[in-house]
Amino acid sequence: MKAVNVRQLKNNPSQALRLARKQPVVVMHRDRPEALLVHLDDEGLLREPGVRLALATALYKSESVSLGRGARIARIPLADFMLHVSREGVPVIRGSAKTLREDVKSLAAWLKKGSSSATRAR
């Protein structure tokens, strides 16, 4: 196990990631362990059943990644990922009712504009 301090991590994050490929790296802050960097690779932990899906779900739930990115991380189709997160109680559609109404209104206007230009093109 290796250790780096916060300053080293800030100045050269690539070095800490290179070290983590070989063994876990403890990030120290004022001589106290703050975090642990562990390399995730396709041959190790990410290969275990359900790990990618759990990781993608947690990242989506915390709003760190989009639905599409979550599906790519989990390596499943977007529709399957949407079903999975909704079954886990995570909202697939985010935002307020007001935002949703505005989006629907914008979409309707866009569709109307698109259909009228398509009609003229014929």
C-alpha atoms as a PDB file:
ATOM      1  CA  MET A   1       0.000   0.000   0.000  1.00  0.00           C
ATOM      2  CA  LYS A   2       1.248   3.469  -0.894  1.00  0.00           C
ATOM      3  CA  ALA A   3       0.375   6.857   0.569  1.00  0.00           C
ATOM      4  CA  VAL A   4       0.139  10.323  -0.979  1.00  0.00           C
ATOM      5  CA  ASN A   5      -0.822  13.568   0.659  1.00  0.00           C
ATOM      6  CA  VAL A   6      -3.523  15.905  -0.612  1.00  0.00           C
ATOM      7  CA  ARG A   7      -0.975  18.305  -2.112  1.00  0.00           C
ATOM      8  CA  GLN A   8       0.693  15.507  -4.086  1.00  0.00           C
ATOM      9  CA  LEU A   9      -2.706  14.349  -5.310  1.00  0.00           C
ATOM     10  CA  LYS A  10      -3.650  17.886  -6.352  1.00  0.00           C
ATOM     11  CA  ASN A  11      -0.332  18.546  -8.103  1.00  0.00           C
ATOM     12  CA  ASN A  12      -0.071  15.195  -9.874  1.00  0.00           C
ATOM     13  CA  PRO A  13      -3.281  13.132  -9.883  1.00  0.00           C
ATOM     14  CA  SER A  14      -1.945  10.979 -12.729  1.00  0.00           C
ATOM     15  CA  GLN A  15       0.894   9.750 -10.525  1.00  0.00           C
ATOM     16  CA  ALA A  16      -1.563   8.687  -7.807  1.00  0.00           C
ATOM     17  CA  LEU A  17      -3.662   6.857 -10.401  1.00  0.00           C
ATOM     18  CA  ARG A  18      -0.571   5.082 -11.762  1.00  0.00           C
ATOM     19  CA  LEU A  19       0.312   3.981  -8.233  1.00  0.00           C
ATOM     20  CA  ALA A  20      -3.266   2.791  -7.661  1.00  0.00           C
ATOM     21  CA  ARG A  21      -3.015   0.488 -10.699  1.00  0.00           C
ATOM     22  CA  LYS A  22      -0.401  -1.507  -8.794  1.00  0.00           C
ATOM     23  CA  GLN A  23      -1.747  -1.311  -5.241  1.00  0.00           C
ATOM     24  CA  PRO A  24      -4.208   0.678  -3.094  1.00  0.00           C
ATOM     25  CA  VAL A  25      -3.197   4.270  -2.338  1.00  0.00           C
ATOM     26  CA  VAL A  26      -4.154   6.050   0.885  1.00  0.00           C
ATOM     27  CA  VAL A  27      -4.680   9.800   0.554  1.00  0.00           C
ATOM     28  CA  MET A  28      -3.431  11.526   3.693  1.00  0.00           C
ATOM     29  CA  HIS A  29      -4.593  14.916   4.989  1.00  0.00           C
ATOM     30  CA  ARG A  30      -2.653  16.358   7.917  1.00  0.00           C
ATOM     31  CA  ASP A  31      -1.221  12.950   8.731  1.00  0.00           C
ATOM     32  CA  ARG A  32      -4.669  11.351   8.805  1.00  0.00           C
ATOM     33  CA  PRO A  33      -6.007   8.939   6.198  1.00  0.00           C
ATOM     34  CA  GLU A  34      -8.800  10.648   4.240  1.00  0.00           C
ATOM     35  CA  ALA A  35      -9.480   8.432   1.247  1.00  0.00           C
ATOM     36  CA  LEU A  36      -8.471   5.247  -0.467  1.00  0.00           C
ATOM     37  CA  LEU A  37      -7.790   4.986  -4.201  1.00  0.00           C
ATOM     38  CA  VAL A  38      -8.416   1.536  -5.624  1.00  0.00           C
ATOM     39  CA  HIS A  39      -7.936   0.723  -9.288  1.00  0.00           C
ATOM     40  CA  LEU A  40     -11.048  -0.603 -11.005  1.00  0.00           C
ATOM     41  CA  ASP A  41     -10.310  -2.755 -14.017  1.00  0.00           C
ATOM     42  CA  ASP A  42     -12.246  -5.108 -16.230  1.00  0.00           C
ATOM     43  CA  GLU A  43     -10.240  -8.094 -15.015  1.00  0.00           C
ATOM     44  CA  GLY A  44     -10.877  -7.521 -11.316  1.00  0.00           C
ATOM     45  CA  LEU A  45     -13.722  -6.048  -9.332  1.00  0.00           C
ATOM     46  CA  LEU A  46     -15.666  -4.705 -12.328  1.00  0.00           C
ATOM     47  CA  ARG A  47     -15.857  -8.218 -13.709  1.00  0.00           C
ATOM     48  CA  GLU A  48     -17.908  -9.472 -10.758  1.00  0.00           C
ATOM     49  CA  PRO A  49     -21.650  -9.850 -11.457  1.00  0.00           C
ATOM     50  CA  GLY A  50     -23.671  -6.760 -10.608  1.00  0.00           C
ATOM     51  CA  VAL A  51     -20.737  -4.505  -9.721  1.00  0.00           C
ATOM     52  CA  ARG A  52     -20.942  -2.343 -12.860  1.00  0.00           C
ATOM     53  CA  LEU A  53     -24.720  -2.019 -12.501  1.00  0.00           C
ATOM     54  CA  ALA A  54     -24.454  -1.099  -8.807  1.00  0.00           C
ATOM     55  CA  LEU A  55     -21.711   1.437  -9.530  1.00  0.00           C
ATOM     56  CA  ALA A  56     -23.673   2.988 -12.403  1.00  0.00           C
ATOM     57  CA  THR A  57     -26.836   3.144 -10.286  1.00  0.00           C
ATOM     58  CA  ALA A  58     -25.025   4.847  -7.399  1.00  0.00           C
ATOM     59  CA  LEU A  59     -23.391   7.367  -9.744  1.00  0.00           C
ATOM     60  CA  TYR A  60     -26.718   8.153 -11.438  1.00  0.00           C
ATOM     61  CA  LYS A  61     -28.549   8.402  -8.105  1.00  0.00           C
ATOM     62  CA  SER A  62     -25.979  10.924  -6.836  1.00  0.00           C
ATOM     63  CA  GLU A  63     -26.419  12.875 -10.100  1.00  0.00           C
ATOM     64  CA  SER A  64     -22.751  12.345 -10.979  1.00  0.00           C
ATOM     65  CA  VAL A  65     -23.598  10.826 -14.374  1.00  0.00           C
ATOM     66  CA  SER A  66     -26.488  10.987 -16.821  1.00  0.00           C
ATOM     67  CA  LEU A  67     -28.821   8.106 -17.634  1.00  0.00           C
ATOM     68  CA  GLY A  68     -26.938   7.456 -20.858  1.00  0.00           C
ATOM     69  CA  ARG A  69     -23.550   7.429 -19.194  1.00  0.00           C
ATOM     70  CA  GLY A  70     -24.908   5.171 -16.442  1.00  0.00           C
ATOM     71  CA  ALA A  71     -26.141   2.699 -19.054  1.00  0.00           C
ATOM     72  CA  ARG A  72     -22.720   2.739 -20.742  1.00  0.00           C
ATOM     73  CA  ILE A  73     -20.951   2.158 -17.411  1.00  0.00           C
ATOM     74  CA  ALA A  74     -23.303  -0.744 -16.660  1.00  0.00           C
ATOM     75  CA  ARG A  75     -22.899  -1.970 -20.253  1.00  0.00           C
ATOM     76  CA  ILE A  76     -26.629  -2.452 -20.725  1.00  0.00           C
ATOM     77  CA  PRO A  77     -29.156  -0.824 -23.074  1.00  0.00           C
ATOM     78  CA  LEU A  78     -30.512   2.542 -21.953  1.00  0.00           C
ATOM     79  CA  ALA A  79     -34.082   1.221 -21.660  1.00  0.00           C
ATOM     80  CA  ASP A  80     -32.908  -1.592 -19.360  1.00  0.00           C
ATOM     81  CA  PHE A  81     -30.970   0.871 -17.199  1.00  0.00           C
ATOM     82  CA  MET A  82     -34.019   3.143 -16.973  1.00  0.00           C
ATOM     83  CA  LEU A  83     -36.131   0.190 -15.822  1.00  0.00           C
ATOM     84  CA  HIS A  84     -33.496  -0.843 -13.299  1.00  0.00           C
ATOM     85  CA  VAL A  85     -33.099   2.567 -11.652  1.00  0.00           C
ATOM     86  CA  SER A  86     -36.856   3.112 -11.522  1.00  0.00           C
ATOM     87  CA  ARG A  87     -37.261  -0.270  -9.792  1.00  0.00           C
ATOM     88  CA  GLU A  88     -34.624   0.890  -7.311  1.00  0.00           C
ATOM     89  CA  GLY A  89     -36.754   3.947  -6.536  1.00  0.00           C
ATOM     90  CA  VAL A  90     -34.499   6.396  -8.357  1.00  0.00           C
ATOM     91  CA  PRO A  91     -36.420   8.903 -10.492  1.00  0.00           C
ATOM     92  CA  VAL A  92     -35.722   8.549 -14.194  1.00  0.00           C
ATOM     93  CA  ILE A  93     -37.085  12.026 -14.944  1.00  0.00           C
ATOM     94  CA  ARG A  94     -35.614  14.792 -12.838  1.00  0.00           C
ATOM     95  CA  GLY A  95     -36.833  18.311 -12.337  1.00  0.00           C
ATOM     96  CA  SER A  96     -39.941  20.074 -11.156  1.00  0.00           C
ATOM     97  CA  ALA A  97     -43.406  19.962 -12.667  1.00  0.00           C
ATOM     98  CA  LYS A  98     -42.869  23.536 -13.857  1.00  0.00           C
ATOM     99  CA  THR A  99     -39.677  22.570 -15.698  1.00  0.00           C
ATOM    100  CA  LEU A 100     -41.406  19.576 -17.240  1.00  0.00           C
ATOM    101  CA  ARG A 101     -44.298  21.756 -18.483  1.00  0.00           C
ATOM    102  CA  GLU A 102     -41.815  24.214 -20.008  1.00  0.00           C
ATOM    103  CA  ASP A 103     -39.941  21.375 -21.715  1.00  0.00           C
ATOM    104  CA  VAL A 104     -43.159  19.897 -23.121  1.00  0.00           C
ATOM    105  CA  LYS A 105     -44.207  23.335 -24.384  1.00  0.00           C
ATOM    106  CA  SER A 106     -40.807  23.842 -26.047  1.00  0.00           C
ATOM    107  CA  LEU A 107     -40.956  20.382 -27.591  1.00  0.00           C
ATOM    108  CA  ALA A 108     -44.462  20.994 -28.954  1.00  0.00           C
ATOM    109  CA  ALA A 109     -43.341  24.287 -30.512  1.00  0.00           C
ATOM    110  CA  TRP A 110     -40.289  22.619 -32.013  1.00  0.00           C
ATOM    111  CA  LEU A 111     -42.350  19.756 -33.416  1.00  0.00           C
ATOM    112  CA  LYS A 112     -44.902  22.180 -34.851  1.00  0.00           C
ATOM    113  CA  LYS A 113     -42.153  24.233 -36.470  1.00  0.00           C
ATOM    114  CA  GLY A 114     -40.510  21.080 -37.851  1.00  0.00           C
ATOM    115  CA  SER A 115     -43.736  19.693 -39.296  1.00  0.00           C
ATOM    116  CA  SER A 116     -44.629  22.976 -40.998  1.00  0.00           C
ATOM    117  CA  SER A 117     -41.194  23.202 -42.644  1.00  0.00           C
ATOM    118  CA  ALA A 118     -41.452  19.540 -43.716  1.00  0.00           C
ATOM    119  CA  THR A 119     -44.852  20.274 -45.286  1.00  0.00           C
ATOM    120  CA  ARG A 120     -43.394  23.216 -47.208  1.00  0.00           C
ATOM    121  CA  ALA A 121     -40.485  21.090 -48.438  1.00  0.00           C
ATOM    122  CA  ARG A 122     -42.870  18.613 -50.107  1.00  0.00           C
END
